[in-house]
Protein backbone atom coordinates (compact mmCIF):
# COMPACT_ATOMS: atom_id res chain seq x y z
CA MET A 1 132.47 274.85 27.26
CA LEU A 2 131.43 273.17 23.95
CA ASP A 3 128.14 274.09 22.37
CA ALA A 4 125.80 271.51 20.91
CA ARG A 5 127.00 271.99 17.34
CA ARG A 6 130.59 271.31 18.30
CA HIS A 7 129.50 268.22 20.24
CA ARG A 8 127.70 266.93 17.12
CA LEU A 9 130.78 267.57 14.86
CA LEU A 10 133.10 265.89 17.37
CA ALA A 11 130.75 262.95 17.73
CA ALA A 12 130.54 262.58 13.90
CA MET A 13 134.32 262.33 13.95
CA GLY A 14 134.29 259.73 16.71
CA ILE A 15 135.85 262.07 19.29
CA THR A 16 134.56 262.25 22.84
CA PRO A 17 135.16 265.75 24.17
CA TRP A 18 136.62 266.28 27.65
CA ARG A 19 136.91 269.23 29.92
CA LEU A 20 138.06 270.05 33.40
CA ARG A 21 135.26 269.73 35.91
CA ASP A 22 134.16 272.93 37.59
CA ALA A 23 132.38 272.41 40.95
CA ALA A 24 129.98 275.26 40.10
CA GLU A 25 128.82 273.54 36.86
CA PRO A 26 126.84 270.32 36.60
CA VAL A 27 128.81 267.66 34.72
CA THR A 28 127.28 266.11 31.59
CA GLU A 29 129.17 263.28 30.08
CA ASP A 30 127.72 263.26 26.57
CA ALA A 31 126.18 265.65 24.12
CA PRO A 32 122.41 265.54 23.89
CA PRO A 33 121.21 262.67 21.68
CA GLU A 34 120.88 263.49 18.02
CA GLU A 35 117.97 262.51 15.90
CA LEU A 36 118.81 260.88 12.60
CA GLN A 37 117.66 262.74 9.51
CA ARG A 38 115.96 260.55 6.89
CA LEU A 39 115.61 261.91 3.35
CA HIS A 40 114.02 260.29 0.38
CA LEU A 41 115.63 261.03 -3.06
CA PRO A 42 113.62 260.03 -6.11
CA LEU A 43 115.54 257.96 -8.58
CA ALA A 44 115.44 258.72 -12.26
CA GLY A 45 115.65 256.76 -15.49
CA ASP A 46 114.83 253.08 -15.27
CA HIS A 47 114.17 253.52 -11.56
CA ALA A 48 111.61 256.32 -11.87
CA GLY A 49 109.05 256.05 -9.10
CA GLN A 50 111.64 254.46 -6.70
CA ILE A 51 113.55 256.17 -3.94
CA LEU A 52 116.92 256.10 -2.22
CA GLU A 53 116.80 256.81 1.50
CA VAL A 54 119.67 258.86 2.90
CA VAL A 55 120.21 258.62 6.66
CA GLY A 56 122.55 260.55 8.94
CA ASP A 57 122.66 263.06 11.71
CA SER A 58 123.28 266.77 11.25
CA LEU A 59 122.99 266.55 7.49
CA ASP A 60 121.58 270.05 7.32
CA GLU A 61 124.71 271.73 8.76
CA PRO A 62 125.85 274.14 5.98
CA GLU A 63 129.26 272.70 5.29
CA VAL A 64 127.96 269.13 5.64
CA ALA A 65 125.04 269.82 3.31
CA LYS A 66 127.30 271.34 0.73
CA LEU A 67 129.60 268.29 0.70
CA LEU A 68 126.61 265.94 0.76
CA ALA A 69 125.07 267.61 -2.29
CA ALA A 70 128.43 267.28 -4.16
CA MET A 71 128.75 263.64 -3.17
CA LEU A 72 125.28 262.83 -4.44
CA ALA A 73 125.74 264.90 -7.60
CA ALA A 74 128.84 262.80 -8.32
CA ILE A 75 126.55 259.75 -8.69
CA ASP A 76 123.84 261.58 -10.56
CA LEU A 77 121.52 262.25 -7.59
CA ASP A 78 120.19 265.66 -6.72
CA LEU A 79 119.94 266.61 -3.02
CA ALA A 80 117.52 269.43 -4.06
CA THR A 81 114.88 266.83 -4.87
CA ALA A 82 115.11 265.21 -1.40
CA ARG A 83 112.03 265.14 0.81
CA PRO A 84 111.82 264.23 4.52
CA ALA A 85 111.08 260.48 4.85
CA ALA A 86 108.65 261.16 7.73
CA GLY A 87 105.12 260.52 6.50
CA SER A 88 106.22 258.74 3.37
CA SER A 89 104.82 255.37 2.80
CA ALA A 90 107.27 254.53 -0.03
CA ALA A 91 109.67 251.73 0.65
CA PRO A 92 113.25 252.66 -0.39
CA ARG A 93 115.08 250.70 -3.12
CA ALA A 94 118.28 251.09 -1.09
CA ILE A 95 119.65 253.08 1.86
CA LEU A 96 122.75 255.21 2.07
CA ALA A 97 123.83 255.51 5.75
CA PHE A 98 126.24 258.22 6.80
CA GLY A 99 128.27 257.75 9.99
CA ASP A 100 128.43 255.49 13.02
CA LYS A 101 125.04 256.51 14.49
CA ALA A 102 123.12 255.79 11.26
CA ALA A 103 125.01 252.50 10.78
CA SER A 104 124.34 251.33 14.27
CA ASP A 105 120.62 252.33 14.26
CA LEU A 106 119.92 250.73 10.89
CA THR A 107 121.92 247.50 11.17
CA GLY A 108 121.58 246.95 14.89
CA SER A 109 125.33 246.33 15.05
CA GLN A 110 127.65 248.26 17.41
CA ALA A 111 130.38 248.00 14.80
CA GLY A 112 131.36 251.39 13.39
CA VAL A 113 131.69 252.67 9.82
CA ALA A 114 135.19 251.25 9.50
CA ALA A 115 133.85 247.69 10.04
CA LEU A 116 130.62 248.04 8.08
CA ARG A 117 131.62 249.99 4.98
CA GLY A 118 133.09 248.40 1.86
CA GLY A 119 130.12 246.15 1.10
CA TRP A 120 126.38 245.80 1.36
CA GLN A 121 124.60 245.48 4.70
CA GLN A 122 120.94 244.95 5.50
CA ARG A 123 118.57 247.04 7.62
CA GLN A 124 117.62 244.96 10.57
CA SER A 125 113.93 245.85 10.50
CA ASP A 126 113.18 244.68 6.93
CA ASP A 127 116.39 243.56 5.20
CA THR A 128 116.49 246.61 2.80
CA ALA A 129 119.95 246.78 1.26
CA LEU A 130 122.16 249.57 2.56
CA ILE A 131 125.57 250.95 2.12
CA VAL A 132 127.40 252.52 5.09
CA THR A 133 129.97 255.22 4.51
CA HIS A 134 131.77 258.05 6.30
CA HIS A 135 129.70 261.02 7.41
CA PRO A 136 130.37 264.23 5.42
CA ALA A 137 131.46 266.00 8.70
CA ARG A 138 134.16 263.36 9.16
CA LEU A 139 135.24 263.74 5.54
CA LEU A 140 135.61 267.51 6.07
CA ALA A 141 137.87 266.81 9.05
CA GLN A 142 139.78 263.80 7.60
CA LYS A 143 140.20 264.32 3.86
CA SER A 144 142.09 261.04 3.57
CA LEU A 145 138.81 259.15 3.96
CA LYS A 146 137.29 260.70 0.85
CA ALA A 147 138.59 257.89 -1.38
CA GLU A 148 136.79 255.30 0.80
CA ALA A 149 133.57 257.30 0.63
CA TRP A 150 133.91 257.64 -3.15
CA ALA A 151 134.31 253.87 -3.46
CA ASP A 152 131.14 253.35 -1.48
CA LEU A 153 129.20 255.84 -3.60
CA GLN A 154 130.45 254.11 -6.80
CA ARG A 155 129.31 250.76 -5.39
CA LEU A 156 125.86 252.20 -4.84
CA GLN A 157 125.74 253.77 -8.27
CA ALA A 158 126.89 250.54 -9.96
CA ALA A 159 124.18 248.53 -8.14
CA LEU A 160 121.51 250.94 -9.18
CA ARG A 161 122.68 250.76 -12.79
CA GLU A 162 123.00 246.96 -12.80
CA SER A 163 119.46 246.35 -11.66
CA ALA A 164 117.99 248.67 -14.32
């Protein structure tokens, strides 16, 4: 039987787990729903006082958090400065959405990361610009997607620099 952590990791990779049904066990089709984590990262330099919102599920899993920190550091952002978005009244300058669940929740589209990444999208609630990319858990499982995620991060970094 898969535990909740494995369900989250498989879901992040787009895999639906299956198992043989046992008459003694109740059958549950899906893992419990995951809450999206929303973090606010302060921007520096010409954007001081503004924030980038980072959204995804299971971002605090140890290996995921380690890769996430490295990804953000590559575009001059520090995960250590992140604060939970809950209770914050600051409107983000932009949003970085990791994975299908974040992409779907923010854009209102049922299209996955593959269809939404590669360009700018807009949050359905207020038209804030957002970039959708692969979830770090998926990158850990499918290293070949790292180049696509890097291109998305560079697009975000360039946009932040251009508007300075």
